[in-house]
């Protein structure tokens, strides 16, 4: 392979990377539009509104009744994670559905970074331990689009 061929190859590789980036950005934009079209929005406030606190209380009561144990979303000195909380409805104050991500996954599963708390399309309580930001985003997207939540590939019991 001569110098000219090497330069051509490098230029082709550079073009392929640019095209992959364009495709990735378009895919992210499409996924964001799907989530928005499904009625979900990112919560951008600094404090959870009363509607979220009411949702948490209902979630905990339903989970406790169903599973027979004490479910406490905010019991381990944890907090909700900015940009990873979603609500469904015209505004947060009147929202009746929430997806809340907390930063204490390790309390529930060894080494987990986060817990995602949600209700599935049947109204049943659910939670998912996540070990990476990538999988946390995937989990939230799946919940927003009413898809089955896949287990994080880094899952540990």
C-alpha atoms as a PDB file:
ATOM      1  CA  UNK A   1       0.000   0.000   0.000  1.00  0.00           C
ATOM      2  CA  UNK A   2       1.550   3.290  -1.048  1.00  0.00           C
ATOM      3  CA  UNK A   3       1.154   6.689   0.561  1.00  0.00           C
ATOM      4  CA  UNK A   4      -1.669   7.717  -1.755  1.00  0.00           C
ATOM      5  CA  UNK A   5      -3.666   4.586  -0.893  1.00  0.00           C
ATOM      6  CA  UNK A   6      -3.074   5.135   2.820  1.00  0.00           C
ATOM      7  CA  UNK A   7      -4.338   8.711   2.599  1.00  0.00           C
ATOM      8  CA  UNK A   8      -7.410   7.588   0.664  1.00  0.00           C
ATOM      9  CA  UNK A   9      -8.110   4.895   3.258  1.00  0.00           C
ATOM     10  CA  UNK A  10      -7.786   7.385   6.123  1.00  0.00           C
ATOM     11  CA  UNK A  11     -10.127   9.802   4.350  1.00  0.00           C
ATOM     12  CA  UNK A  12     -12.681   7.011   3.819  1.00  0.00           C
ATOM     13  CA  UNK A  13     -12.440   6.037   7.490  1.00  0.00           C
ATOM     14  CA  UNK A  14     -12.916   9.670   8.520  1.00  0.00           C
ATOM     15  CA  UNK A  15     -15.980   9.958   6.252  1.00  0.00           C
ATOM     16  CA  UNK A  16     -17.419   6.720   7.728  1.00  0.00           C
ATOM     17  CA  UNK A  17     -17.007   8.100  11.279  1.00  0.00           C
ATOM     18  CA  UNK A  18     -18.774  11.333  10.271  1.00  0.00           C
ATOM     19  CA  UNK A  19     -21.628   9.359   8.736  1.00  0.00           C
ATOM     20  CA  UNK A  20     -21.934   7.175  11.846  1.00  0.00           C
ATOM     21  CA  UNK A  21     -22.121  10.325  13.975  1.00  0.00           C
ATOM     22  CA  UNK A  22     -24.849  11.764  11.766  1.00  0.00           C
ATOM     23  CA  UNK A  23     -26.803   8.513  11.998  1.00  0.00           C
ATOM     24  CA  UNK A  24     -26.395   8.355  15.810  1.00  0.00           C
ATOM     25  CA  UNK A  25     -27.592  11.965  16.211  1.00  0.00           C
ATOM     26  CA  UNK A  26     -30.584  11.335  13.955  1.00  0.00           C
ATOM     27  CA  UNK A  27     -31.451   8.189  15.924  1.00  0.00           C
ATOM     28  CA  UNK A  28     -31.253  10.058  19.266  1.00  0.00           C
ATOM     29  CA  UNK A  29     -33.448  12.819  17.865  1.00  0.00           C
ATOM     30  CA  UNK A  30     -35.987  10.261  16.632  1.00  0.00           C
ATOM     31  CA  UNK A  31     -36.024   8.456  20.009  1.00  0.00           C
ATOM     32  CA  UNK A  32     -36.502  11.759  21.843  1.00  0.00           C
ATOM     33  CA  UNK A  33     -39.431  12.568  19.546  1.00  0.00           C
ATOM     34  CA  UNK A  34     -40.964   9.133  20.243  1.00  0.00           C
ATOM     35  CA  UNK A  35     -40.776   9.711  24.006  1.00  0.00           C
ATOM     36  CA  UNK A  36     -42.299  13.179  23.642  1.00  0.00           C
ATOM     37  CA  UNK A  37     -45.025  11.867  21.337  1.00  0.00           C
ATOM     38  CA  UNK A  38     -45.862   9.245  23.978  1.00  0.00           C
ATOM     39  CA  UNK A  39     -46.637  12.138  26.351  1.00  0.00           C
ATOM     40  CA  UNK A  40     -43.534  11.973  28.569  1.00  0.00           C
ATOM     41  CA  UNK A  41     -41.404  14.999  29.451  1.00  0.00           C
ATOM     42  CA  UNK A  42     -38.182  15.459  31.393  1.00  0.00           C
ATOM     43  CA  UNK A  43     -38.769  17.101  34.773  1.00  0.00           C
ATOM     44  CA  UNK A  44     -36.499  20.157  34.942  1.00  0.00           C
ATOM     45  CA  UNK A  45     -37.382  21.534  38.384  1.00  0.00           C
ATOM     46  CA  UNK A  46     -35.212  21.643  41.481  1.00  0.00           C
ATOM     47  CA  UNK A  47     -37.825  20.137  43.837  1.00  0.00           C
ATOM     48  CA  UNK A  48     -40.348  17.432  43.125  1.00  0.00           C
ATOM     49  CA  UNK A  49     -43.895  18.845  43.067  1.00  0.00           C
ATOM     50  CA  UNK A  50     -46.717  17.547  45.237  1.00  0.00           C
ATOM     51  CA  UNK A  51     -48.044  15.397  42.374  1.00  0.00           C
ATOM     52  CA  UNK A  52     -44.737  13.472  42.338  1.00  0.00           C
ATOM     53  CA  UNK A  53     -44.791  13.047  46.112  1.00  0.00           C
ATOM     54  CA  UNK A  54     -48.372  11.771  45.896  1.00  0.00           C
ATOM     55  CA  UNK A  55     -47.315   9.334  43.142  1.00  0.00           C
ATOM     56  CA  UNK A  56     -44.447   8.089  45.335  1.00  0.00           C
ATOM     57  CA  UNK A  57     -46.798   7.525  48.272  1.00  0.00           C
ATOM     58  CA  UNK A  58     -49.272   5.582  46.082  1.00  0.00           C
ATOM     59  CA  UNK A  59     -46.404   3.589  44.566  1.00  0.00           C
ATOM     60  CA  UNK A  60     -45.044   2.644  47.999  1.00  0.00           C
ATOM     61  CA  UNK A  61     -48.479   1.694  49.348  1.00  0.00           C
ATOM     62  CA  UNK A  62     -49.259  -0.454  46.290  1.00  0.00           C
ATOM     63  CA  UNK A  63     -45.841  -2.088  46.355  1.00  0.00           C
ATOM     64  CA  UNK A  64     -46.065  -2.812  50.080  1.00  0.00           C
ATOM     65  CA  UNK A  65     -49.509  -4.380  49.658  1.00  0.00           C
ATOM     66  CA  UNK A  66     -48.423  -6.453  46.662  1.00  0.00           C
ATOM     67  CA  UNK A  67     -45.045  -7.674  47.914  1.00  0.00           C
ATOM     68  CA  UNK A  68     -45.558  -7.605  51.676  1.00  0.00           C
ATOM     69  CA  UNK A  69     -42.421  -5.617  52.421  1.00  0.00           C
ATOM     70  CA  UNK A  70     -41.685  -2.018  53.241  1.00  0.00           C
ATOM     71  CA  UNK A  71     -40.875  -0.191  49.985  1.00  0.00           C
ATOM     72  CA  UNK A  72     -39.348   3.229  50.601  1.00  0.00           C
ATOM     73  CA  UNK A  73     -38.101   5.061  47.523  1.00  0.00           C
ATOM     74  CA  UNK A  74     -36.334   7.750  49.585  1.00  0.00           C
ATOM     75  CA  UNK A  75     -35.154   5.873  52.660  1.00  0.00           C
ATOM     76  CA  UNK A  76     -31.403   5.429  52.204  1.00  0.00           C
ATOM     77  CA  UNK A  77     -30.122   9.009  52.203  1.00  0.00           C
ATOM     78  CA  UNK A  78     -30.572   8.966  48.463  1.00  0.00           C
ATOM     79  CA  UNK A  79     -32.046  11.527  46.139  1.00  0.00           C
ATOM     80  CA  UNK A  80     -33.672  11.727  42.752  1.00  0.00           C
ATOM     81  CA  UNK A  81     -31.396  12.325  39.793  1.00  0.00           C
ATOM     82  CA  UNK A  82     -31.751  15.555  37.801  1.00  0.00           C
ATOM     83  CA  UNK A  83     -32.564  14.942  34.096  1.00  0.00           C
ATOM     84  CA  UNK A  84     -33.584  11.334  34.845  1.00  0.00           C
ATOM     85  CA  UNK A  85     -37.061  12.040  36.187  1.00  0.00           C
ATOM     86  CA  UNK A  86     -39.962  12.064  33.721  1.00  0.00           C
ATOM     87  CA  UNK A  87     -43.628  12.928  34.058  1.00  0.00           C
ATOM     88  CA  UNK A  88     -46.618  12.344  31.845  1.00  0.00           C
ATOM     89  CA  UNK A  89     -49.047  15.193  31.384  1.00  0.00           C
ATOM     90  CA  UNK A  90     -49.203  18.850  30.421  1.00  0.00           C
ATOM     91  CA  UNK A  91     -47.181  20.013  33.444  1.00  0.00           C
ATOM     92  CA  UNK A  92     -45.507  18.541  36.542  1.00  0.00           C
ATOM     93  CA  UNK A  93     -48.046  19.970  38.984  1.00  0.00           C
ATOM     94  CA  UNK A  94     -50.922  17.970  37.468  1.00  0.00           C
ATOM     95  CA  UNK A  95     -49.002  14.914  36.259  1.00  0.00           C
ATOM     96  CA  UNK A  96     -50.338  11.565  37.425  1.00  0.00           C
ATOM     97  CA  UNK A  97     -47.570   9.325  36.065  1.00  0.00           C
ATOM     98  CA  UNK A  98     -43.898   9.558  36.943  1.00  0.00           C
ATOM     99  CA  UNK A  99     -40.635   7.755  36.282  1.00  0.00           C
ATOM    100  CA  UNK A 100     -38.245   8.551  39.111  1.00  0.00           C
ATOM    101  CA  UNK A 101     -34.561   7.649  39.097  1.00  0.00           C
ATOM    102  CA  UNK A 102     -32.700   7.601  42.412  1.00  0.00           C
ATOM    103  CA  UNK A 103     -28.973   7.418  43.033  1.00  0.00           C
ATOM    104  CA  UNK A 104     -28.960   4.459  45.426  1.00  0.00           C
ATOM    105  CA  UNK A 105     -29.039   1.347  43.268  1.00  0.00           C
ATOM    106  CA  UNK A 106     -26.225  -0.182  45.335  1.00  0.00           C
ATOM    107  CA  UNK A 107     -28.542  -0.410  48.343  1.00  0.00           C
ATOM    108  CA  UNK A 108     -30.796  -2.780  46.398  1.00  0.00           C
ATOM    109  CA  UNK A 109     -28.339  -4.574  44.082  1.00  0.00           C
ATOM    110  CA  UNK A 110     -24.562  -4.979  44.437  1.00  0.00           C
ATOM    111  CA  UNK A 111     -22.736  -2.121  42.722  1.00  0.00           C
ATOM    112  CA  UNK A 112     -25.798  -0.671  40.961  1.00  0.00           C
ATOM    113  CA  UNK A 113     -25.525   3.026  40.190  1.00  0.00           C
ATOM    114  CA  UNK A 114     -29.234   3.880  40.110  1.00  0.00           C
ATOM    115  CA  UNK A 115     -32.778   2.637  40.637  1.00  0.00           C
ATOM    116  CA  UNK A 116     -35.559   3.498  38.210  1.00  0.00           C
ATOM    117  CA  UNK A 117     -39.035   3.475  39.794  1.00  0.00           C
ATOM    118  CA  UNK A 118     -42.077   3.293  37.519  1.00  0.00           C
ATOM    119  CA  UNK A 119     -45.476   1.793  36.817  1.00  0.00           C
ATOM    120  CA  UNK A 120     -45.883  -0.412  33.778  1.00  0.00           C
ATOM    121  CA  UNK A 121     -48.732  -0.094  31.269  1.00  0.00           C
ATOM    122  CA  UNK A 122     -50.897  -2.349  33.473  1.00  0.00           C
ATOM    123  CA  UNK A 123     -50.405   0.023  36.417  1.00  0.00           C
ATOM    124  CA  UNK A 124     -48.209  -2.406  38.362  1.00  0.00           C
ATOM    125  CA  UNK A 125     -45.247  -1.061  40.302  1.00  0.00           C
ATOM    126  CA  UNK A 126     -41.814  -1.793  38.915  1.00  0.00           C
ATOM    127  CA  UNK A 127     -38.217  -0.918  39.576  1.00  0.00           C
ATOM    128  CA  UNK A 128     -34.973  -1.568  37.754  1.00  0.00           C
ATOM    129  CA  UNK A 129     -31.440  -1.517  39.101  1.00  0.00           C
ATOM    130  CA  UNK A 130     -29.002   0.054  36.640  1.00  0.00           C
ATOM    131  CA  UNK A 131     -25.219  -0.102  36.523  1.00  0.00           C
ATOM    132  CA  UNK A 132     -24.556   2.435  33.759  1.00  0.00           C
ATOM    133  CA  UNK A 133     -25.875   5.727  32.427  1.00  0.00           C
ATOM    134  CA  UNK A 134     -26.360   4.126  29.015  1.00  0.00           C
ATOM    135  CA  UNK A 135     -28.647   1.433  30.383  1.00  0.00           C
ATOM    136  CA  UNK A 136     -30.464   3.875  32.671  1.00  0.00           C
ATOM    137  CA  UNK A 137     -31.373   5.925  29.588  1.00  0.00           C
ATOM    138  CA  UNK A 138     -32.425   2.777  27.723  1.00  0.00           C
ATOM    139  CA  UNK A 139     -34.601   1.674  30.650  1.00  0.00           C
ATOM    140  CA  UNK A 140     -36.361   5.052  30.816  1.00  0.00           C
ATOM    141  CA  UNK A 141     -36.910   5.042  27.052  1.00  0.00           C
ATOM    142  CA  UNK A 142     -38.420   1.550  27.211  1.00  0.00           C
ATOM    143  CA  UNK A 143     -40.786   2.596  30.010  1.00  0.00           C
ATOM    144  CA  UNK A 144     -41.837   5.746  28.129  1.00  0.00           C
ATOM    145  CA  UNK A 145     -42.566   3.721  24.992  1.00  0.00           C
ATOM    146  CA  UNK A 146     -44.425   0.989  26.963  1.00  0.00           C
ATOM    147  CA  UNK A 147     -41.829  -1.624  25.983  1.00  0.00           C
ATOM    148  CA  UNK A 148     -40.595  -4.446  28.207  1.00  0.00           C
ATOM    149  CA  UNK A 149     -37.699  -3.275  30.380  1.00  0.00           C
ATOM    150  CA  UNK A 150     -34.569  -5.265  29.617  1.00  0.00           C
ATOM    151  CA  UNK A 151     -32.177  -6.187  32.392  1.00  0.00           C
ATOM    152  CA  UNK A 152     -28.897  -4.266  32.484  1.00  0.00           C
ATOM    153  CA  UNK A 153     -26.164  -6.525  31.007  1.00  0.00           C
ATOM    154  CA  UNK A 154     -24.046  -5.715  34.071  1.00  0.00           C
ATOM    155  CA  UNK A 155     -26.762  -7.161  36.351  1.00  0.00           C
ATOM    156  CA  UNK A 156     -25.577  -8.654  39.633  1.00  0.00           C
ATOM    157  CA  UNK A 157     -27.697 -10.245  42.315  1.00  0.00           C
END
